[in-house]
Amino acid sequence: MRMSSIFKATIVGEPSSLDDDSDKKKKSEDYISGDVGIVLDIFAKKINKRNESLILNLLEGYAFDDLNSIKVKLIRHHHDIENQRTEVQIFPVNDILEKWWEDIEIMTTDKKKLN
């Protein structure tokens, strides 16, 4: 298994039409193990929260270990009727990124830290 610094892929089509047959999954050469962060840019006709789960289930065991290894998740929805797709970026979570994410969480939950 080769460990890459980032996994990038484009899944063409509407996410709700994806086949989530785990028997067909095999690990990618760019498979990332350990704690990961993920960015999903979903280009679709309409926002559908179910699409997020379908995509993550599709990538589990292929691009990263399992859903529990996702520590940072950013999902952005875009309206696109003509070219429906999902652009995926997965990266290992390092100490600097984890500290940055903790600072973001503090800013959203602890009003004393903001002032």
C-alpha atoms as a PDB file:
ATOM      1  CA  MET A   1       0.000   0.000   0.000  1.00  0.00           C
ATOM      2  CA  ARG A   2       1.451   3.336  -1.071  1.00  0.00           C
ATOM      3  CA  MET A   3       0.678   6.299   1.135  1.00  0.00           C
ATOM      4  CA  SER A   4       0.043   9.521  -0.732  1.00  0.00           C
ATOM      5  CA  SER A   5      -0.133  13.033   0.665  1.00  0.00           C
ATOM      6  CA  ILE A   6      -3.490  13.601  -1.005  1.00  0.00           C
ATOM      7  CA  PHE A   7      -6.123  11.534  -2.777  1.00  0.00           C
ATOM      8  CA  LYS A   8      -8.031  13.341  -5.532  1.00  0.00           C
ATOM      9  CA  ALA A   9     -10.846  11.974  -7.650  1.00  0.00           C
ATOM     10  CA  THR A  10     -13.870  13.105  -9.622  1.00  0.00           C
ATOM     11  CA  ILE A  11     -16.977  10.957  -9.474  1.00  0.00           C
ATOM     12  CA  VAL A  12     -19.074  11.644 -12.553  1.00  0.00           C
ATOM     13  CA  GLY A  13     -22.860  11.704 -12.343  1.00  0.00           C
ATOM     14  CA  GLU A  14     -25.487  12.270  -9.717  1.00  0.00           C
ATOM     15  CA  PRO A  15     -24.439  10.802  -6.344  1.00  0.00           C
ATOM     16  CA  SER A  16     -27.821   9.157  -5.741  1.00  0.00           C
ATOM     17  CA  SER A  17     -27.206   6.951  -8.783  1.00  0.00           C
ATOM     18  CA  LEU A  18     -23.938   5.544  -7.413  1.00  0.00           C
ATOM     19  CA  ASP A  19     -23.670   1.827  -6.813  1.00  0.00           C
ATOM     20  CA  ASP A  20     -22.500   1.117  -3.255  1.00  0.00           C
ATOM     21  CA  ASP A  21     -21.658  -2.550  -3.782  1.00  0.00           C
ATOM     22  CA  SER A  22     -18.775  -3.124  -1.361  1.00  0.00           C
ATOM     23  CA  ASP A  23     -17.820  -6.376  -3.118  1.00  0.00           C
ATOM     24  CA  LYS A  24     -16.572  -4.338  -6.092  1.00  0.00           C
ATOM     25  CA  LYS A  25     -14.330  -2.074  -3.977  1.00  0.00           C
ATOM     26  CA  LYS A  26     -10.581  -2.393  -4.078  1.00  0.00           C
ATOM     27  CA  LYS A  27      -7.982  -0.155  -2.515  1.00  0.00           C
ATOM     28  CA  SER A  28      -6.565   2.595  -4.687  1.00  0.00           C
ATOM     29  CA  GLU A  29      -2.839   3.125  -5.169  1.00  0.00           C
ATOM     30  CA  ASP A  30      -3.409   6.518  -3.513  1.00  0.00           C
ATOM     31  CA  TYR A  31      -5.100   4.957  -0.468  1.00  0.00           C
ATOM     32  CA  ILE A  32      -4.548   7.004   2.705  1.00  0.00           C
ATOM     33  CA  SER A  33      -4.424   5.273   6.067  1.00  0.00           C
ATOM     34  CA  GLY A  34      -4.833   6.796   9.513  1.00  0.00           C
ATOM     35  CA  ASP A  35      -6.759   9.952  10.394  1.00  0.00           C
ATOM     36  CA  VAL A  36      -7.920  11.885   7.339  1.00  0.00           C
ATOM     37  CA  GLY A  37      -9.651  15.071   6.318  1.00  0.00           C
ATOM     38  CA  ILE A  38     -12.030  15.140   3.394  1.00  0.00           C
ATOM     39  CA  VAL A  39     -13.378  17.852   1.101  1.00  0.00           C
ATOM     40  CA  LEU A  40     -16.384  17.032  -1.075  1.00  0.00           C
ATOM     41  CA  ASP A  41     -17.560  19.458  -3.744  1.00  0.00           C
ATOM     42  CA  ILE A  42     -20.928  18.102  -4.863  1.00  0.00           C
ATOM     43  CA  PHE A  43     -22.228  19.530  -8.142  1.00  0.00           C
ATOM     44  CA  ALA A  44     -25.879  18.473  -8.546  1.00  0.00           C
ATOM     45  CA  LYS A  45     -29.379  19.597  -9.506  1.00  0.00           C
ATOM     46  CA  LYS A  46     -30.379  19.997  -5.867  1.00  0.00           C
ATOM     47  CA  ILE A  47     -28.936  19.647  -2.375  1.00  0.00           C
ATOM     48  CA  ASN A  48     -29.493  16.175  -1.013  1.00  0.00           C
ATOM     49  CA  LYS A  49     -27.850  15.287   2.311  1.00  0.00           C
ATOM     50  CA  ARG A  50     -28.191  11.596   1.470  1.00  0.00           C
ATOM     51  CA  ASN A  51     -25.641  12.114  -1.324  1.00  0.00           C
ATOM     52  CA  GLU A  52     -22.925  12.840   1.234  1.00  0.00           C
ATOM     53  CA  SER A  53     -23.419   9.464   2.920  1.00  0.00           C
ATOM     54  CA  LEU A  54     -23.471   7.606  -0.392  1.00  0.00           C
ATOM     55  CA  ILE A  55     -20.195   9.174  -1.468  1.00  0.00           C
ATOM     56  CA  LEU A  56     -18.475   8.533   1.862  1.00  0.00           C
ATOM     57  CA  ASN A  57     -19.667   4.914   1.865  1.00  0.00           C
ATOM     58  CA  LEU A  58     -18.348   4.505  -1.669  1.00  0.00           C
ATOM     59  CA  LEU A  59     -14.908   5.841  -0.669  1.00  0.00           C
ATOM     60  CA  GLU A  60     -14.667   3.853   2.585  1.00  0.00           C
ATOM     61  CA  GLY A  61     -12.079   1.105   2.225  1.00  0.00           C
ATOM     62  CA  TYR A  62     -11.045   2.480  -1.176  1.00  0.00           C
ATOM     63  CA  ALA A  63      -9.580   5.914  -0.438  1.00  0.00           C
ATOM     64  CA  PHE A  64      -9.349   5.749   3.379  1.00  0.00           C
ATOM     65  CA  ASP A  65      -9.622   3.131   6.154  1.00  0.00           C
ATOM     66  CA  ASP A  66     -13.138   3.666   7.453  1.00  0.00           C
ATOM     67  CA  LEU A  67     -15.617   6.388   8.322  1.00  0.00           C
ATOM     68  CA  ASN A  68     -14.225   6.638  11.858  1.00  0.00           C
ATOM     69  CA  SER A  69     -10.886   7.802  10.452  1.00  0.00           C
ATOM     70  CA  ILE A  70     -12.467  11.033   9.110  1.00  0.00           C
ATOM     71  CA  LYS A  71     -11.521  13.804  11.543  1.00  0.00           C
ATOM     72  CA  VAL A  72     -12.155  16.876   9.367  1.00  0.00           C
ATOM     73  CA  LYS A  73     -14.994  17.041   6.834  1.00  0.00           C
ATOM     74  CA  LEU A  74     -15.903  19.948   4.561  1.00  0.00           C
ATOM     75  CA  ILE A  75     -18.840  19.455   2.210  1.00  0.00           C
ATOM     76  CA  ARG A  76     -19.721  22.147  -0.304  1.00  0.00           C
ATOM     77  CA  HIS A  77     -22.814  21.968  -2.493  1.00  0.00           C
ATOM     78  CA  HIS A  78     -22.946  23.582  -5.929  1.00  0.00           C
ATOM     79  CA  HIS A  79     -25.851  23.848  -8.356  1.00  0.00           C
ATOM     80  CA  ASP A  80     -25.027  22.312 -11.745  1.00  0.00           C
ATOM     81  CA  ILE A  81     -27.601  20.697 -14.009  1.00  0.00           C
ATOM     82  CA  GLU A  82     -25.332  20.063 -17.000  1.00  0.00           C
ATOM     83  CA  ASN A  83     -22.240  18.510 -15.388  1.00  0.00           C
ATOM     84  CA  GLN A  84     -23.229  16.652 -12.222  1.00  0.00           C
ATOM     85  CA  ARG A  85     -20.221  15.297 -10.363  1.00  0.00           C
ATOM     86  CA  THR A  86     -18.446  15.133  -7.036  1.00  0.00           C
ATOM     87  CA  GLU A  87     -14.874  16.327  -6.663  1.00  0.00           C
ATOM     88  CA  VAL A  88     -13.114  14.563  -3.788  1.00  0.00           C
ATOM     89  CA  GLN A  89      -9.963  15.479  -1.907  1.00  0.00           C
ATOM     90  CA  ILE A  90      -8.713  13.373   0.990  1.00  0.00           C
ATOM     91  CA  PHE A  91      -5.592  14.187   2.968  1.00  0.00           C
ATOM     92  CA  PRO A  92      -3.859  12.910   6.108  1.00  0.00           C
ATOM     93  CA  VAL A  93      -4.536  14.901   9.264  1.00  0.00           C
ATOM     94  CA  ASN A  94      -1.295  16.128  10.796  1.00  0.00           C
ATOM     95  CA  ASP A  95      -0.658  17.996  14.050  1.00  0.00           C
ATOM     96  CA  ILE A  96      -0.826  21.452  12.440  1.00  0.00           C
ATOM     97  CA  LEU A  97      -4.148  20.728  10.741  1.00  0.00           C
ATOM     98  CA  GLU A  98      -5.599  19.189  13.880  1.00  0.00           C
ATOM     99  CA  LYS A  99      -4.597  22.263  15.934  1.00  0.00           C
ATOM    100  CA  TRP A 100      -6.140  24.551  13.301  1.00  0.00           C
ATOM    101  CA  TRP A 101      -9.372  22.536  13.400  1.00  0.00           C
ATOM    102  CA  GLU A 102      -9.467  22.690  17.208  1.00  0.00           C
ATOM    103  CA  ASP A 103      -9.097  26.498  17.010  1.00  0.00           C
ATOM    104  CA  ILE A 104     -12.067  26.637  14.605  1.00  0.00           C
ATOM    105  CA  GLU A 105     -14.160  24.519  16.978  1.00  0.00           C
ATOM    106  CA  ILE A 106     -13.261  26.778  19.912  1.00  0.00           C
ATOM    107  CA  MET A 107     -14.293  29.858  17.928  1.00  0.00           C
ATOM    108  CA  THR A 108     -17.714  28.364  17.245  1.00  0.00           C
ATOM    109  CA  THR A 109     -18.389  27.074  20.737  1.00  0.00           C
ATOM    110  CA  ASP A 110     -16.516  29.245  23.292  1.00  0.00           C
ATOM    111  CA  LYS A 111     -17.570  32.892  23.126  1.00  0.00           C
ATOM    112  CA  LYS A 112     -15.000  33.867  25.823  1.00  0.00           C
ATOM    113  CA  LYS A 113     -12.133  32.857  23.527  1.00  0.00           C
ATOM    114  CA  LEU A 114     -13.406  35.168  20.790  1.00  0.00           C
ATOM    115  CA  ASN A 115     -13.032  38.362  22.842  1.00  0.00           C
END
